[in-house]
C-alpha atoms as a PDB file:
ATOM      1  CA  UNK A   1     -17.946 -29.382  37.797  1.00  0.00           C
ATOM      2  CA  UNK A   2     -18.167 -30.532  41.410  1.00  0.00           C
ATOM      3  CA  UNK A   3     -14.682 -29.750  42.731  1.00  0.00           C
ATOM      4  CA  UNK A   4     -15.401 -27.867  45.942  1.00  0.00           C
ATOM      5  CA  UNK A   5     -15.150 -31.006  48.057  1.00  0.00           C
ATOM      6  CA  UNK A   6     -11.523 -31.370  46.977  1.00  0.00           C
ATOM      7  CA  UNK A   7     -10.472 -28.123  48.628  1.00  0.00           C
ATOM      8  CA  UNK A   8     -10.792 -29.211  52.219  1.00  0.00           C
ATOM      9  CA  UNK A   9      -7.751 -31.510  52.242  1.00  0.00           C
ATOM     10  CA  UNK A  10      -5.554 -31.151  49.147  1.00  0.00           C
ATOM     11  CA  UNK A  11      -1.924 -30.433  50.056  1.00  0.00           C
ATOM     12  CA  UNK A  12      -2.865 -29.878  53.692  1.00  0.00           C
ATOM     13  CA  UNK A  13       0.463 -31.539  54.665  1.00  0.00           C
ATOM     14  CA  UNK A  14       2.339 -28.707  52.963  1.00  0.00           C
ATOM     15  CA  UNK A  15       1.300 -25.395  54.545  1.00  0.00           C
ATOM     16  CA  UNK A  16       3.075 -22.327  53.115  1.00  0.00           C
ATOM     17  CA  UNK A  17       1.008 -19.289  54.176  1.00  0.00           C
ATOM     18  CA  UNK A  18      -1.598 -18.749  56.862  1.00  0.00           C
ATOM     19  CA  UNK A  19      -2.134 -15.153  57.970  1.00  0.00           C
ATOM     20  CA  UNK A  20      -4.603 -12.276  58.312  1.00  0.00           C
ATOM     21  CA  UNK A  21      -1.953  -9.553  57.962  1.00  0.00           C
ATOM     22  CA  UNK A  22      -1.792  -7.962  54.497  1.00  0.00           C
ATOM     23  CA  UNK A  23       1.945  -7.262  54.417  1.00  0.00           C
ATOM     24  CA  UNK A  24       2.852 -10.627  55.919  1.00  0.00           C
ATOM     25  CA  UNK A  25       0.674 -12.339  53.303  1.00  0.00           C
ATOM     26  CA  UNK A  26       2.305 -10.339  50.518  1.00  0.00           C
ATOM     27  CA  UNK A  27       5.814 -11.280  51.627  1.00  0.00           C
ATOM     28  CA  UNK A  28       5.057 -14.967  52.173  1.00  0.00           C
ATOM     29  CA  UNK A  29       3.221 -15.337  48.856  1.00  0.00           C
ATOM     30  CA  UNK A  30       6.131 -13.541  47.150  1.00  0.00           C
ATOM     31  CA  UNK A  31       8.452 -16.246  48.513  1.00  0.00           C
ATOM     32  CA  UNK A  32       6.516 -18.810  46.487  1.00  0.00           C
ATOM     33  CA  UNK A  33       5.860 -16.684  43.392  1.00  0.00           C
ATOM     34  CA  UNK A  34       7.512 -13.282  42.955  1.00  0.00           C
ATOM     35  CA  UNK A  35       7.382  -9.764  44.339  1.00  0.00           C
ATOM     36  CA  UNK A  36       4.028  -8.072  43.718  1.00  0.00           C
ATOM     37  CA  UNK A  37       1.593  -5.430  44.864  1.00  0.00           C
ATOM     38  CA  UNK A  38      -1.330  -6.642  47.002  1.00  0.00           C
ATOM     39  CA  UNK A  39      -4.326  -4.448  47.837  1.00  0.00           C
ATOM     40  CA  UNK A  40      -7.605  -5.099  49.599  1.00  0.00           C
ATOM     41  CA  UNK A  41     -10.640  -4.131  47.511  1.00  0.00           C
ATOM     42  CA  UNK A  42     -13.820  -2.320  48.518  1.00  0.00           C
ATOM     43  CA  UNK A  43     -12.920  -1.116  51.974  1.00  0.00           C
ATOM     44  CA  UNK A  44     -12.304  -4.602  53.336  1.00  0.00           C
ATOM     45  CA  UNK A  45      -9.873  -4.813  56.219  1.00  0.00           C
ATOM     46  CA  UNK A  46      -9.573  -8.502  56.973  1.00  0.00           C
ATOM     47  CA  UNK A  47      -7.832 -11.319  55.164  1.00  0.00           C
ATOM     48  CA  UNK A  48      -7.967 -15.027  55.887  1.00  0.00           C
ATOM     49  CA  UNK A  49      -5.248 -16.212  53.563  1.00  0.00           C
ATOM     50  CA  UNK A  50      -4.270 -19.857  53.310  1.00  0.00           C
ATOM     51  CA  UNK A  51      -1.787 -21.369  50.891  1.00  0.00           C
ATOM     52  CA  UNK A  52      -0.568 -24.939  50.683  1.00  0.00           C
ATOM     53  CA  UNK A  53       2.314 -25.660  48.339  1.00  0.00           C
ATOM     54  CA  UNK A  54       4.592 -28.555  47.432  1.00  0.00           C
ATOM     55  CA  UNK A  55       7.551 -27.580  45.218  1.00  0.00           C
ATOM     56  CA  UNK A  56       9.244 -30.261  43.132  1.00  0.00           C
ATOM     57  CA  UNK A  57      12.077 -30.069  40.624  1.00  0.00           C
ATOM     58  CA  UNK A  58      10.260 -28.359  37.731  1.00  0.00           C
ATOM     59  CA  UNK A  59       6.668 -27.961  38.897  1.00  0.00           C
ATOM     60  CA  UNK A  60       5.154 -26.723  42.128  1.00  0.00           C
ATOM     61  CA  UNK A  61       1.647 -27.840  43.148  1.00  0.00           C
ATOM     62  CA  UNK A  62      -0.518 -25.569  45.263  1.00  0.00           C
ATOM     63  CA  UNK A  63      -3.912 -24.555  46.628  1.00  0.00           C
ATOM     64  CA  UNK A  64      -4.834 -21.158  47.983  1.00  0.00           C
ATOM     65  CA  UNK A  65      -7.502 -18.619  48.939  1.00  0.00           C
ATOM     66  CA  UNK A  66      -7.170 -15.049  50.166  1.00  0.00           C
ATOM     67  CA  UNK A  67     -10.454 -14.886  52.096  1.00  0.00           C
ATOM     68  CA  UNK A  68     -11.147 -11.394  50.734  1.00  0.00           C
ATOM     69  CA  UNK A  69     -11.321  -9.534  47.437  1.00  0.00           C
ATOM     70  CA  UNK A  70      -7.802  -8.419  46.519  1.00  0.00           C
ATOM     71  CA  UNK A  71      -5.964  -6.880  43.588  1.00  0.00           C
ATOM     72  CA  UNK A  72      -2.677  -8.604  42.747  1.00  0.00           C
ATOM     73  CA  UNK A  73      -0.155  -6.969  40.413  1.00  0.00           C
ATOM     74  CA  UNK A  74       3.233  -8.670  39.821  1.00  0.00           C
ATOM     75  CA  UNK A  75       3.825  -6.945  36.479  1.00  0.00           C
ATOM     76  CA  UNK A  76       5.491 -10.000  34.932  1.00  0.00           C
ATOM     77  CA  UNK A  77       6.221 -13.417  36.379  1.00  0.00           C
ATOM     78  CA  UNK A  78       9.692 -13.511  34.727  1.00  0.00           C
ATOM     79  CA  UNK A  79      10.901 -17.019  35.596  1.00  0.00           C
ATOM     80  CA  UNK A  80       7.808 -19.227  35.801  1.00  0.00           C
ATOM     81  CA  UNK A  81       4.501 -20.055  34.117  1.00  0.00           C
ATOM     82  CA  UNK A  82       1.368 -20.059  36.263  1.00  0.00           C
ATOM     83  CA  UNK A  83      -1.627 -22.329  35.656  1.00  0.00           C
ATOM     84  CA  UNK A  84      -4.697 -21.535  37.803  1.00  0.00           C
ATOM     85  CA  UNK A  85      -7.790 -23.751  38.115  1.00  0.00           C
ATOM     86  CA  UNK A  86     -10.597 -22.322  40.224  1.00  0.00           C
ATOM     87  CA  UNK A  87     -12.518 -24.588  42.551  1.00  0.00           C
ATOM     88  CA  UNK A  88     -15.043 -21.861  43.401  1.00  0.00           C
ATOM     89  CA  UNK A  89     -15.496 -18.126  42.937  1.00  0.00           C
ATOM     90  CA  UNK A  90     -13.914 -16.085  40.167  1.00  0.00           C
ATOM     91  CA  UNK A  91     -10.907 -13.982  39.205  1.00  0.00           C
ATOM     92  CA  UNK A  92     -10.584 -11.264  36.578  1.00  0.00           C
ATOM     93  CA  UNK A  93      -7.387 -11.836  34.641  1.00  0.00           C
ATOM     94  CA  UNK A  94      -5.571  -9.015  32.846  1.00  0.00           C
ATOM     95  CA  UNK A  95      -2.939 -10.667  30.619  1.00  0.00           C
ATOM     96  CA  UNK A  96      -2.317  -9.720  27.035  1.00  0.00           C
ATOM     97  CA  UNK A  97      -4.769  -7.654  25.047  1.00  0.00           C
ATOM     98  CA  UNK A  98      -8.125  -8.848  26.398  1.00  0.00           C
ATOM     99  CA  UNK A  99      -9.110  -9.276  30.089  1.00  0.00           C
ATOM    100  CA  UNK A 100     -11.341 -12.232  30.934  1.00  0.00           C
ATOM    101  CA  UNK A 101     -13.207 -13.643  33.906  1.00  0.00           C
ATOM    102  CA  UNK A 102     -11.769 -16.938  35.146  1.00  0.00           C
ATOM    103  CA  UNK A 103     -14.251 -19.346  36.743  1.00  0.00           C
ATOM    104  CA  UNK A 104     -14.518 -23.074  37.436  1.00  0.00           C
ATOM    105  CA  UNK A 105     -15.179 -23.435  33.691  1.00  0.00           C
ATOM    106  CA  UNK A 106     -12.349 -21.212  32.423  1.00  0.00           C
ATOM    107  CA  UNK A 107      -8.847 -21.737  33.793  1.00  0.00           C
ATOM    108  CA  UNK A 108      -5.813 -19.609  33.007  1.00  0.00           C
ATOM    109  CA  UNK A 109      -2.165 -19.999  32.060  1.00  0.00           C
ATOM    110  CA  UNK A 110       0.013 -16.925  32.517  1.00  0.00           C
ATOM    111  CA  UNK A 111       3.248 -16.691  30.523  1.00  0.00           C
ATOM    112  CA  UNK A 112       6.214 -15.056  32.282  1.00  0.00           C
ATOM    113  CA  UNK A 113       6.861 -12.398  29.620  1.00  0.00           C
ATOM    114  CA  UNK A 114       3.286 -11.061  29.456  1.00  0.00           C
ATOM    115  CA  UNK A 115       2.183  -8.161  31.657  1.00  0.00           C
ATOM    116  CA  UNK A 116      -0.202  -9.597  34.233  1.00  0.00           C
ATOM    117  CA  UNK A 117      -2.483  -8.535  37.076  1.00  0.00           C
ATOM    118  CA  UNK A 118      -5.715  -9.908  38.470  1.00  0.00           C
ATOM    119  CA  UNK A 119      -8.558  -9.335  40.869  1.00  0.00           C
ATOM    120  CA  UNK A 120      -9.245 -12.284  43.141  1.00  0.00           C
ATOM    121  CA  UNK A 121     -12.810 -12.157  44.475  1.00  0.00           C
ATOM    122  CA  UNK A 122     -13.788 -12.985  48.036  1.00  0.00           C
ATOM    123  CA  UNK A 123     -14.457 -16.685  48.793  1.00  0.00           C
ATOM    124  CA  UNK A 124     -12.519 -17.733  45.688  1.00  0.00           C
ATOM    125  CA  UNK A 125     -10.387 -20.852  46.054  1.00  0.00           C
ATOM    126  CA  UNK A 126      -8.053 -22.254  43.440  1.00  0.00           C
ATOM    127  CA  UNK A 127      -5.454 -24.843  42.601  1.00  0.00           C
ATOM    128  CA  UNK A 128      -2.312 -23.729  40.842  1.00  0.00           C
ATOM    129  CA  UNK A 129       0.749 -25.099  39.070  1.00  0.00           C
ATOM    130  CA  UNK A 130       3.996 -23.138  39.137  1.00  0.00           C
ATOM    131  CA  UNK A 131       6.131 -24.343  36.197  1.00  0.00           C
ATOM    132  CA  UNK A 132       9.787 -23.363  35.915  1.00  0.00           C
ATOM    133  CA  UNK A 133      10.334 -21.242  32.809  1.00  0.00           C
ATOM    134  CA  UNK A 134      13.760 -22.640  31.855  1.00  0.00           C
ATOM    135  CA  UNK A 135      12.551 -26.231  32.133  1.00  0.00           C
ATOM    136  CA  UNK A 136       9.361 -25.507  30.180  1.00  0.00           C
ATOM    137  CA  UNK A 137      11.139 -23.672  27.371  1.00  0.00           C
ATOM    138  CA  UNK A 138      13.778 -26.426  27.132  1.00  0.00           C
ATOM    139  CA  UNK A 139      10.970 -28.966  26.874  1.00  0.00           C
ATOM    140  CA  UNK A 140       9.317 -26.873  24.170  1.00  0.00           C
ATOM    141  CA  UNK A 141      12.570 -26.608  22.163  1.00  0.00           C
ATOM    142  CA  UNK A 142      13.061 -30.364  22.429  1.00  0.00           C
ATOM    143  CA  UNK A 143       9.505 -31.031  21.334  1.00  0.00           C
ATOM    144  CA  UNK A 144       9.602 -28.540  18.455  1.00  0.00           C
ATOM    145  CA  UNK A 145      13.020 -29.733  17.314  1.00  0.00           C
ATOM    146  CA  UNK A 146      14.545 -26.254  17.107  1.00  0.00           C
ATOM    147  CA  UNK A 147      15.759 -23.504  19.444  1.00  0.00           C
ATOM    148  CA  UNK A 148      13.080 -21.027  20.450  1.00  0.00           C
ATOM    149  CA  UNK A 149      13.321 -17.844  18.386  1.00  0.00           C
ATOM    150  CA  UNK A 150      11.218 -15.977  20.946  1.00  0.00           C
ATOM    151  CA  UNK A 151       9.942 -16.605  24.492  1.00  0.00           C
ATOM    152  CA  UNK A 152       7.209 -19.212  24.842  1.00  0.00           C
ATOM    153  CA  UNK A 153       3.808 -17.574  25.304  1.00  0.00           C
ATOM    154  CA  UNK A 154       0.392 -19.212  25.616  1.00  0.00           C
ATOM    155  CA  UNK A 155      -3.087 -17.864  24.967  1.00  0.00           C
ATOM    156  CA  UNK A 156      -4.098 -17.107  28.580  1.00  0.00           C
ATOM    157  CA  UNK A 157      -7.596 -18.622  28.737  1.00  0.00           C
ATOM    158  CA  UNK A 158      -8.129 -22.398  29.038  1.00  0.00           C
ATOM    159  CA  UNK A 159     -11.770 -23.423  28.378  1.00  0.00           C
ATOM    160  CA  UNK A 160     -12.431 -26.423  30.607  1.00  0.00           C
ATOM    161  CA  UNK A 161     -15.675 -27.433  28.902  1.00  0.00           C
ATOM    162  CA  UNK A 162     -13.837 -28.491  25.715  1.00  0.00           C
ATOM    163  CA  UNK A 163     -12.561 -32.070  25.326  1.00  0.00           C
ATOM    164  CA  UNK A 164      -8.936 -30.916  25.534  1.00  0.00           C
ATOM    165  CA  UNK A 165      -9.697 -28.665  28.506  1.00  0.00           C
ATOM    166  CA  UNK A 166     -11.449 -31.459  30.381  1.00  0.00           C
ATOM    167  CA  UNK A 167      -8.483 -33.764  29.805  1.00  0.00           C
ATOM    168  CA  UNK A 168      -6.017 -31.142  31.028  1.00  0.00           C
ATOM    169  CA  UNK A 169      -8.110 -30.483  34.111  1.00  0.00           C
ATOM    170  CA  UNK A 170      -8.289 -34.191  34.930  1.00  0.00           C
ATOM    171  CA  UNK A 171      -4.529 -34.526  34.500  1.00  0.00           C
ATOM    172  CA  UNK A 172      -3.830 -31.494  36.699  1.00  0.00           C
ATOM    173  CA  UNK A 173      -6.236 -32.621  39.427  1.00  0.00           C
ATOM    174  CA  UNK A 174      -4.774 -36.124  39.392  1.00  0.00           C
ATOM    175  CA  UNK A 175      -1.225 -34.814  39.706  1.00  0.00           C
ATOM    176  CA  UNK A 176      -2.157 -32.380  42.480  1.00  0.00           C
ATOM    177  CA  UNK A 177      -3.913 -35.197  44.312  1.00  0.00           C
ATOM    178  CA  UNK A 178      -0.820 -37.383  43.959  1.00  0.00           C
ATOM    179  CA  UNK A 179       1.386 -34.541  45.180  1.00  0.00           C
ATOM    180  CA  UNK A 180      -0.950 -34.215  48.154  1.00  0.00           C
ATOM    181  CA  UNK A 181      -1.834 -37.763  49.130  1.00  0.00           C
ATOM    182  CA  UNK A 182       0.204 -40.246  47.131  1.00  0.00           C
ATOM    183  CA  UNK A 183       3.732 -41.621  47.104  1.00  0.00           C
ATOM    184  CA  UNK A 184       4.599 -41.318  43.404  1.00  0.00           C
ATOM    185  CA  UNK A 185       6.250 -37.913  43.734  1.00  0.00           C
ATOM    186  CA  UNK A 186       8.552 -39.338  46.415  1.00  0.00           C
ATOM    187  CA  UNK A 187      10.394 -41.272  43.691  1.00  0.00           C
ATOM    188  CA  UNK A 188      12.618 -39.030  41.484  1.00  0.00           C
ATOM    189  CA  UNK A 189      12.237 -41.006  38.241  1.00  0.00           C
ATOM    190  CA  UNK A 190       8.463 -41.124  38.542  1.00  0.00           C
ATOM    191  CA  UNK A 191       8.220 -37.479  39.575  1.00  0.00           C
ATOM    192  CA  UNK A 192      10.305 -36.358  36.600  1.00  0.00           C
ATOM    193  CA  UNK A 193       8.116 -38.344  34.213  1.00  0.00           C
ATOM    194  CA  UNK A 194       4.945 -36.836  35.682  1.00  0.00           C
ATOM    195  CA  UNK A 195       6.338 -33.300  35.396  1.00  0.00           C
ATOM    196  CA  UNK A 196       7.340 -33.933  31.767  1.00  0.00           C
ATOM    197  CA  UNK A 197       3.915 -35.384  31.013  1.00  0.00           C
ATOM    198  CA  UNK A 198       2.252 -32.233  32.336  1.00  0.00           C
ATOM    199  CA  UNK A 199       4.470 -29.904  30.291  1.00  0.00           C
ATOM    200  CA  UNK A 200       4.035 -31.923  27.099  1.00  0.00           C
ATOM    201  CA  UNK A 201       0.259 -32.044  27.579  1.00  0.00           C
ATOM    202  CA  UNK A 202       0.135 -28.246  27.886  1.00  0.00           C
ATOM    203  CA  UNK A 203       2.389 -27.789  24.830  1.00  0.00           C
ATOM    204  CA  UNK A 204       0.440 -30.224  22.696  1.00  0.00           C
ATOM    205  CA  UNK A 205      -3.027 -29.053  23.779  1.00  0.00           C
ATOM    206  CA  UNK A 206      -2.966 -25.286  24.309  1.00  0.00           C
ATOM    207  CA  UNK A 207      -2.405 -22.613  21.642  1.00  0.00           C
ATOM    208  CA  UNK A 208       1.014 -20.959  21.841  1.00  0.00           C
ATOM    209  CA  UNK A 209       3.454 -19.038  19.665  1.00  0.00           C
ATOM    210  CA  UNK A 210       5.948 -21.767  18.719  1.00  0.00           C
ATOM    211  CA  UNK A 211       6.230 -23.784  15.483  1.00  0.00           C
ATOM    212  CA  UNK A 212       6.895 -27.512  15.231  1.00  0.00           C
ATOM    213  CA  UNK A 213       9.423 -29.121  12.881  1.00  0.00           C
ATOM    214  CA  UNK A 214       7.685 -31.949  11.028  1.00  0.00           C
ATOM    215  CA  UNK A 215      10.217 -33.184   8.475  1.00  0.00           C
ATOM    216  CA  UNK A 216      11.811 -36.611   8.868  1.00  0.00           C
ATOM    217  CA  UNK A 217      15.408 -36.503   7.515  1.00  0.00           C
ATOM    218  CA  UNK A 218      15.486 -39.954   5.946  1.00  0.00           C
ATOM    219  CA  UNK A 219      19.296 -40.149   5.315  1.00  0.00           C
ATOM    220  CA  UNK A 220      20.025 -39.610   9.022  1.00  0.00           C
ATOM    221  CA  UNK A 221      17.348 -41.918  10.375  1.00  0.00           C
ATOM    222  CA  UNK A 222      19.551 -44.970  11.179  1.00  0.00           C
ATOM    223  CA  UNK A 223      22.167 -42.771  12.885  1.00  0.00           C
ATOM    224  CA  UNK A 224      19.789 -40.756  15.077  1.00  0.00           C
ATOM    225  CA  UNK A 225      17.887 -43.875  16.107  1.00  0.00           C
ATOM    226  CA  UNK A 226      21.143 -45.564  17.132  1.00  0.00           C
ATOM    227  CA  UNK A 227      22.296 -42.480  18.985  1.00  0.00           C
ATOM    228  CA  UNK A 228      18.965 -42.438  20.803  1.00  0.00           C
ATOM    229  CA  UNK A 229      19.268 -46.119  21.727  1.00  0.00           C
ATOM    230  CA  UNK A 230      22.782 -45.617  23.084  1.00  0.00           C
ATOM    231  CA  UNK A 231      21.614 -42.658  25.142  1.00  0.00           C
ATOM    232  CA  UNK A 232      18.686 -44.656  26.552  1.00  0.00           C
ATOM    233  CA  UNK A 233      20.941 -47.533  27.615  1.00  0.00           C
ATOM    234  CA  UNK A 234      23.433 -45.152  29.249  1.00  0.00           C
ATOM    235  CA  UNK A 235      20.845 -43.057  31.060  1.00  0.00           C
ATOM    236  CA  UNK A 236      17.979 -45.459  31.816  1.00  0.00           C
ATOM    237  CA  UNK A 237      18.584 -44.959  35.543  1.00  0.00           C
ATOM    238  CA  UNK A 238      17.944 -41.232  35.204  1.00  0.00           C
ATOM    239  CA  UNK A 239      14.659 -39.290  34.757  1.00  0.00           C
ATOM    240  CA  UNK A 240      14.993 -38.832  30.983  1.00  0.00           C
ATOM    241  CA  UNK A 241      12.137 -37.904  28.675  1.00  0.00           C
ATOM    242  CA  UNK A 242      11.429 -38.138  24.945  1.00  0.00           C
ATOM    243  CA  UNK A 243      12.644 -34.553  24.675  1.00  0.00           C
ATOM    244  CA  UNK A 244      15.974 -35.404  26.343  1.00  0.00           C
ATOM    245  CA  UNK A 245      16.481 -38.355  24.010  1.00  0.00           C
ATOM    246  CA  UNK A 246      15.576 -36.283  20.955  1.00  0.00           C
ATOM    247  CA  UNK A 247      17.946 -33.493  21.971  1.00  0.00           C
ATOM    248  CA  UNK A 248      20.837 -35.942  22.336  1.00  0.00           C
ATOM    249  CA  UNK A 249      19.971 -37.547  18.988  1.00  0.00           C
ATOM    250  CA  UNK A 250      19.853 -34.131  17.302  1.00  0.00           C
ATOM    251  CA  UNK A 251      16.251 -34.241  16.052  1.00  0.00           C
ATOM    252  CA  UNK A 252      12.812 -33.093  17.190  1.00  0.00           C
ATOM    253  CA  UNK A 253      10.686 -35.263  19.458  1.00  0.00           C
ATOM    254  CA  UNK A 254       8.248 -35.820  16.600  1.00  0.00           C
ATOM    255  CA  UNK A 255      11.050 -36.887  14.272  1.00  0.00           C
ATOM    256  CA  UNK A 256      12.425 -39.219  16.914  1.00  0.00           C
ATOM    257  CA  UNK A 257       8.997 -40.773  17.404  1.00  0.00           C
ATOM    258  CA  UNK A 258       8.565 -41.279  13.659  1.00  0.00           C
ATOM    259  CA  UNK A 259      12.048 -42.799  13.375  1.00  0.00           C
ATOM    260  CA  UNK A 260      11.433 -45.330  16.124  1.00  0.00           C
ATOM    261  CA  UNK A 261       8.067 -46.222  14.594  1.00  0.00           C
ATOM    262  CA  UNK A 262       9.609 -46.730  11.170  1.00  0.00           C
ATOM    263  CA  UNK A 263      12.842 -48.516  12.134  1.00  0.00           C
ATOM    264  CA  UNK A 264      12.056 -50.213  15.456  1.00  0.00           C
ATOM    265  CA  UNK A 265       8.262 -50.597  15.357  1.00  0.00           C
ATOM    266  CA  UNK A 266       8.046 -49.042  18.808  1.00  0.00           C
ATOM    267  CA  UNK A 267       8.273 -45.657  20.504  1.00  0.00           C
ATOM    268  CA  UNK A 268      11.215 -44.087  22.372  1.00  0.00           C
ATOM    269  CA  UNK A 269       9.466 -44.369  25.749  1.00  0.00           C
ATOM    270  CA  UNK A 270       8.402 -47.968  25.080  1.00  0.00           C
ATOM    271  CA  UNK A 271      12.042 -48.745  24.245  1.00  0.00           C
ATOM    272  CA  UNK A 272      13.096 -47.048  27.500  1.00  0.00           C
ATOM    273  CA  UNK A 273      10.526 -49.080  29.416  1.00  0.00           C
ATOM    274  CA  UNK A 274      11.928 -52.304  27.906  1.00  0.00           C
ATOM    275  CA  UNK A 275      15.458 -51.344  28.941  1.00  0.00           C
ATOM    276  CA  UNK A 276      14.291 -50.564  32.474  1.00  0.00           C
ATOM    277  CA  UNK A 277      12.398 -53.866  32.672  1.00  0.00           C
ATOM    278  CA  UNK A 278      15.628 -55.604  31.723  1.00  0.00           C
ATOM    279  CA  UNK A 279      17.502 -53.676  34.431  1.00  0.00           C
ATOM    280  CA  UNK A 280      14.892 -54.698  37.002  1.00  0.00           C
ATOM    281  CA  UNK A 281      15.306 -58.295  35.850  1.00  0.00           C
ATOM    282  CA  UNK A 282      19.074 -58.034  36.365  1.00  0.00           C
ATOM    283  CA  UNK A 283      18.612 -56.636  39.888  1.00  0.00           C
ATOM    284  CA  UNK A 284      16.044 -59.250  40.915  1.00  0.00           C
ATOM    285  CA  UNK A 285      18.133 -62.037  39.405  1.00  0.00           C
ATOM    286  CA  UNK A 286      20.921 -61.124  41.826  1.00  0.00           C
ATOM    287  CA  UNK A 287      18.622 -62.422  44.574  1.00  0.00           C
ATOM    288  CA  UNK A 288      19.859 -60.308  47.455  1.00  0.00           C
ATOM    289  CA  UNK A 289      18.095 -60.859  50.774  1.00  0.00           C
ATOM    290  CA  UNK A 290      17.451 -57.114  51.095  1.00  0.00           C
ATOM    291  CA  UNK A 291      15.639 -56.862  47.761  1.00  0.00           C
ATOM    292  CA  UNK A 292      11.959 -55.935  47.560  1.00  0.00           C
ATOM    293  CA  UNK A 293      10.064 -56.068  44.250  1.00  0.00           C
ATOM    294  CA  UNK A 294       8.019 -52.942  44.967  1.00  0.00           C
ATOM    295  CA  UNK A 295      11.037 -50.897  45.945  1.00  0.00           C
ATOM    296  CA  UNK A 296      13.047 -52.001  42.900  1.00  0.00           C
ATOM    297  CA  UNK A 297      10.126 -51.249  40.578  1.00  0.00           C
ATOM    298  CA  UNK A 298       9.688 -47.732  41.960  1.00  0.00           C
ATOM    299  CA  UNK A 299      13.422 -47.070  41.821  1.00  0.00           C
ATOM    300  CA  UNK A 300      13.301 -47.813  38.079  1.00  0.00           C
ATOM    301  CA  UNK A 301      10.300 -45.556  37.485  1.00  0.00           C
ATOM    302  CA  UNK A 302       7.423 -48.063  37.521  1.00  0.00           C
ATOM    303  CA  UNK A 303       4.663 -46.457  39.570  1.00  0.00           C
ATOM    304  CA  UNK A 304       1.714 -48.672  38.554  1.00  0.00           C
ATOM    305  CA  UNK A 305       2.728 -51.984  40.120  1.00  0.00           C
ATOM    306  CA  UNK A 306      -0.027 -54.044  38.516  1.00  0.00           C
ATOM    307  CA  UNK A 307       0.907 -52.823  35.039  1.00  0.00           C
ATOM    308  CA  UNK A 308       4.588 -53.290  35.863  1.00  0.00           C
ATOM    309  CA  UNK A 309       4.042 -56.934  36.786  1.00  0.00           C
ATOM    310  CA  UNK A 310       2.090 -57.565  33.576  1.00  0.00           C
ATOM    311  CA  UNK A 311       4.741 -55.875  31.422  1.00  0.00           C
ATOM    312  CA  UNK A 312       7.529 -57.732  33.207  1.00  0.00           C
ATOM    313  CA  UNK A 313       5.805 -61.079  32.714  1.00  0.00           C
ATOM    314  CA  UNK A 314       5.270 -60.415  28.995  1.00  0.00           C
ATOM    315  CA  UNK A 315       8.941 -59.571  28.540  1.00  0.00           C
ATOM    316  CA  UNK A 316      10.566 -62.146  30.841  1.00  0.00           C
ATOM    317  CA  UNK A 317       8.027 -64.951  30.942  1.00  0.00           C
ATOM    318  CA  UNK A 318       7.501 -64.851  34.692  1.00  0.00           C
ATOM    319  CA  UNK A 319       6.354 -62.503  37.424  1.00  0.00           C
ATOM    320  CA  UNK A 320       9.020 -60.383  39.111  1.00  0.00           C
ATOM    321  CA  UNK A 321       8.350 -62.145  42.410  1.00  0.00           C
ATOM    322  CA  UNK A 322       9.124 -65.469  40.688  1.00  0.00           C
ATOM    323  CA  UNK A 323      12.454 -64.113  39.413  1.00  0.00           C
ATOM    324  CA  UNK A 324      13.405 -63.036  42.923  1.00  0.00           C
ATOM    325  CA  UNK A 325      12.255 -66.290  44.499  1.00  0.00           C
ATOM    326  CA  UNK A 326      14.183 -68.430  42.003  1.00  0.00           C
ATOM    327  CA  UNK A 327      17.290 -66.300  42.445  1.00  0.00           C
ATOM    328  CA  UNK A 328      17.196 -66.720  46.231  1.00  0.00           C
ATOM    329  CA  UNK A 329      16.667 -70.457  46.000  1.00  0.00           C
END
């Protein structure tokens, strides 16, 4: 897995920690994560710690290395989940019943309620995702269709040589690269969708301790679909997800998906996209001199402009630039 070349620039615009002093490093890293014990290993005296970090609403994207072998012991993370993907080197993870050695082929996800410590070896560099616990557990409850009866906990190891692991790694690297170099995370609707996509991918791919609700309550189907449609129309300008729609409709995300497939021959997010395309059409049809197709598209959550133009043309029979041009003329 050739990832080392990524480390030289990712998130370099977002420096968070750069120090050789052990106590200064501990305090600054604690500002990003939580209070913890930090000890140099094997008689080493020098650190060369670097951390780059970009926090967003629900997920923080980071890269770091300590420059020395260190033991890190936070006890529990309490209010966030931590995903770690090593670019080089290794870490020994103590979380749950069985310690394991994390490498470029075995990532880790640490749940906030599990006792956790680790040894970070010298010359190890990693990418990490800091995911807000409340947001993640709300997303899980929405997806499962029921309140959580116990805290969400994942199996800590993530094999990256499995098909699911490779897909997760690609998604994480793409999002971190966007957080570092791109513009998508500068737009709130797009950023919220990307954060939700990451959480849903982890929930749907990794083993955890929650149970999904699979039943489709047929007598309520017309009502919950209509409630979902009303919610979408009222909140299309906001960063809503399938889970938000399902929660408002009073069903699980899976039930909502099945209901839209059965009664509308579409999906909730496709329906939301259609509503947003219509809103873009309304804005462009106003023909204001200040309007810009790219800006309007991004404001309504369309980050892939080529795909947006194709979808808009299929729905409205013309390119968005044509709508704007005709409105101005």
